[in-house]
Amino acid sequence: MVIKRIQYTVVSDYAETNKKNIMKVMEELKLKNLSGIRYSTYVLDDKKTFMHFVVTESDAANQILTGLETFKIFQTELMASGPEFPPKVENLTLVGSSYELLD
């Protein structure tokens, strides 16, 4: 299992576009119904700091996610927007969970 947390801060003017791009990724994931990928995104109280949690069953499943056209567009446009704080990726190790992370 691969678990990642990614956090970054966009400029205020880009926050809504970023949300729309994220939703396109989520829509594609739902359509593809990939059981080995769990992906959620949150925005902090400042409305411009985003936190993503990605749980995949393997590195191969993670590559499926990052290979999606919607994901590539999301990443490209995010970096082109000139984020205030660029994405910081942290690998997490699961200690325990009260629910199944992957089916």
C-alpha atoms as a PDB file:
ATOM      1  CA  MET A   1       0.000   0.000   0.000  1.00  0.00           C
ATOM      2  CA  VAL A   2       1.259   3.464  -0.924  1.00  0.00           C
ATOM      3  CA  ILE A   3      -0.064   6.438   1.051  1.00  0.00           C
ATOM      4  CA  LYS A   4       0.825  10.035   0.244  1.00  0.00           C
ATOM      5  CA  ARG A   5      -0.146  13.441   1.573  1.00  0.00           C
ATOM      6  CA  ILE A   6       0.430  16.414  -0.701  1.00  0.00           C
ATOM      7  CA  GLN A   7      -0.023  20.000   0.426  1.00  0.00           C
ATOM      8  CA  TYR A   8       0.429  23.304  -1.377  1.00  0.00           C
ATOM      9  CA  THR A   9      -0.925  26.852  -1.425  1.00  0.00           C
ATOM     10  CA  VAL A  10      -2.168  28.515  -4.594  1.00  0.00           C
ATOM     11  CA  VAL A  11      -2.586  32.224  -5.249  1.00  0.00           C
ATOM     12  CA  SER A  12      -6.110  33.322  -4.309  1.00  0.00           C
ATOM     13  CA  ASP A  13      -7.156  33.964  -7.911  1.00  0.00           C
ATOM     14  CA  TYR A  14      -6.371  30.351  -8.870  1.00  0.00           C
ATOM     15  CA  ALA A  15      -8.220  28.543  -6.050  1.00  0.00           C
ATOM     16  CA  GLU A  16     -11.516  28.068  -7.916  1.00  0.00           C
ATOM     17  CA  THR A  17      -9.774  26.855 -11.081  1.00  0.00           C
ATOM     18  CA  ASN A  18      -7.783  24.409  -8.980  1.00  0.00           C
ATOM     19  CA  LYS A  19     -10.987  23.057  -7.431  1.00  0.00           C
ATOM     20  CA  LYS A  20     -12.500  22.581 -10.894  1.00  0.00           C
ATOM     21  CA  ASN A  21      -9.404  20.750 -12.138  1.00  0.00           C
ATOM     22  CA  ILE A  22      -9.435  18.502  -9.062  1.00  0.00           C
ATOM     23  CA  MET A  23     -13.107  17.681  -9.646  1.00  0.00           C
ATOM     24  CA  LYS A  24     -12.325  16.645 -13.229  1.00  0.00           C
ATOM     25  CA  VAL A  25      -9.761  14.163 -11.882  1.00  0.00           C
ATOM     26  CA  MET A  26     -12.287  12.858  -9.342  1.00  0.00           C
ATOM     27  CA  GLU A  27     -14.962  12.475 -12.026  1.00  0.00           C
ATOM     28  CA  GLU A  28     -12.603  10.470 -14.225  1.00  0.00           C
ATOM     29  CA  LEU A  29     -11.642   8.232 -11.301  1.00  0.00           C
ATOM     30  CA  LYS A  30     -15.316   7.601 -10.508  1.00  0.00           C
ATOM     31  CA  LEU A  31     -16.048   6.745 -14.148  1.00  0.00           C
ATOM     32  CA  LYS A  32     -13.128   4.315 -14.305  1.00  0.00           C
ATOM     33  CA  ASN A  33     -14.140   2.782 -10.925  1.00  0.00           C
ATOM     34  CA  LEU A  34     -10.575   1.809 -10.031  1.00  0.00           C
ATOM     35  CA  SER A  35     -10.733  -0.163  -6.776  1.00  0.00           C
ATOM     36  CA  GLY A  36      -7.002   0.169  -6.074  1.00  0.00           C
ATOM     37  CA  ILE A  37      -7.051   3.968  -5.785  1.00  0.00           C
ATOM     38  CA  ARG A  38      -8.542   6.121  -3.024  1.00  0.00           C
ATOM     39  CA  TYR A  39      -8.027   9.853  -3.544  1.00  0.00           C
ATOM     40  CA  SER A  40      -9.483  12.762  -1.592  1.00  0.00           C
ATOM     41  CA  THR A  41      -8.721  16.466  -1.531  1.00  0.00           C
ATOM     42  CA  TYR A  42      -9.454  19.116   1.065  1.00  0.00           C
ATOM     43  CA  VAL A  43      -9.033  22.875   1.251  1.00  0.00           C
ATOM     44  CA  LEU A  44      -7.983  24.575   4.486  1.00  0.00           C
ATOM     45  CA  ASP A  45      -9.705  27.534   6.116  1.00  0.00           C
ATOM     46  CA  ASP A  46      -7.621  30.028   4.132  1.00  0.00           C
ATOM     47  CA  LYS A  47      -9.441  28.720   1.005  1.00  0.00           C
ATOM     48  CA  LYS A  48      -6.202  28.437  -0.963  1.00  0.00           C
ATOM     49  CA  THR A  49      -4.183  25.713   0.786  1.00  0.00           C
ATOM     50  CA  PHE A  50      -5.004  22.279  -0.563  1.00  0.00           C
ATOM     51  CA  MET A  51      -4.275  18.898   0.986  1.00  0.00           C
ATOM     52  CA  HIS A  52      -4.531  15.679  -1.007  1.00  0.00           C
ATOM     53  CA  PHE A  53      -4.557  12.165   0.441  1.00  0.00           C
ATOM     54  CA  VAL A  54      -3.787   9.355  -1.971  1.00  0.00           C
ATOM     55  CA  VAL A  55      -3.996   5.684  -1.024  1.00  0.00           C
ATOM     56  CA  THR A  56      -3.107   3.170  -3.712  1.00  0.00           C
ATOM     57  CA  GLU A  57      -2.639  -0.559  -3.535  1.00  0.00           C
ATOM     58  CA  SER A  58       0.744  -0.319  -5.292  1.00  0.00           C
ATOM     59  CA  ASP A  59       3.156   1.924  -7.154  1.00  0.00           C
ATOM     60  CA  ALA A  60       1.535   0.665 -10.369  1.00  0.00           C
ATOM     61  CA  ALA A  61      -1.875   1.944  -9.215  1.00  0.00           C
ATOM     62  CA  ASN A  62      -0.278   5.276  -8.325  1.00  0.00           C
ATOM     63  CA  GLN A  63       1.118   5.456 -11.862  1.00  0.00           C
ATOM     64  CA  ILE A  64      -2.388   4.881 -13.239  1.00  0.00           C
ATOM     65  CA  LEU A  65      -3.568   7.922 -11.292  1.00  0.00           C
ATOM     66  CA  THR A  66      -0.714  10.157 -12.382  1.00  0.00           C
ATOM     67  CA  GLY A  67      -1.107   8.933 -15.967  1.00  0.00           C
ATOM     68  CA  LEU A  68      -4.711  10.146 -16.278  1.00  0.00           C
ATOM     69  CA  GLU A  69      -5.056  12.996 -18.766  1.00  0.00           C
ATOM     70  CA  THR A  70      -7.138  15.007 -16.272  1.00  0.00           C
ATOM     71  CA  PHE A  71      -4.435  14.557 -13.645  1.00  0.00           C
ATOM     72  CA  LYS A  72      -1.710  15.710 -16.031  1.00  0.00           C
ATOM     73  CA  ILE A  73      -3.736  18.831 -16.880  1.00  0.00           C
ATOM     74  CA  PHE A  74      -4.367  19.477 -13.186  1.00  0.00           C
ATOM     75  CA  GLN A  75      -0.637  19.256 -12.381  1.00  0.00           C
ATOM     76  CA  THR A  76       0.495  21.300 -15.386  1.00  0.00           C
ATOM     77  CA  GLU A  77      -1.955  24.120 -14.732  1.00  0.00           C
ATOM     78  CA  LEU A  78      -1.216  24.107 -10.999  1.00  0.00           C
ATOM     79  CA  MET A  79       2.509  24.578 -11.564  1.00  0.00           C
ATOM     80  CA  ALA A  80       1.899  27.190 -14.294  1.00  0.00           C
ATOM     81  CA  SER A  81      -0.268  29.179 -11.847  1.00  0.00           C
ATOM     82  CA  GLY A  82       2.779  30.012  -9.691  1.00  0.00           C
ATOM     83  CA  PRO A  83       1.715  28.560  -6.345  1.00  0.00           C
ATOM     84  CA  GLU A  84       2.641  30.515  -3.208  1.00  0.00           C
ATOM     85  CA  PHE A  85       3.966  27.262  -1.734  1.00  0.00           C
ATOM     86  CA  PRO A  86       4.712  24.446  -4.192  1.00  0.00           C
ATOM     87  CA  PRO A  87       3.446  20.917  -3.597  1.00  0.00           C
ATOM     88  CA  LYS A  88       5.172  19.050  -0.799  1.00  0.00           C
ATOM     89  CA  VAL A  89       4.772  15.278  -1.006  1.00  0.00           C
ATOM     90  CA  GLU A  90       5.006  13.181   2.139  1.00  0.00           C
ATOM     91  CA  ASN A  91       4.897   9.396   2.241  1.00  0.00           C
ATOM     92  CA  LEU A  92       2.838   8.052   5.121  1.00  0.00           C
ATOM     93  CA  THR A  93       2.901   4.700   6.889  1.00  0.00           C
ATOM     94  CA  LEU A  94      -0.416   3.397   8.170  1.00  0.00           C
ATOM     95  CA  VAL A  95      -0.473   2.635  11.874  1.00  0.00           C
ATOM     96  CA  GLY A  96      -4.141   1.697  12.068  1.00  0.00           C
ATOM     97  CA  SER A  97      -7.577   2.476  10.680  1.00  0.00           C
ATOM     98  CA  SER A  98     -11.145   1.899  11.827  1.00  0.00           C
ATOM     99  CA  TYR A  99     -12.193   1.186   8.219  1.00  0.00           C
ATOM    100  CA  GLU A 100     -10.815  -0.541   5.130  1.00  0.00           C
ATOM    101  CA  LEU A 101      -8.763   1.850   3.049  1.00  0.00           C
ATOM    102  CA  LEU A 102      -8.972  -0.285  -0.072  1.00  0.00           C
ATOM    103  CA  ASP A 103     -11.542  -2.901  -1.040  1.00  0.00           C
END
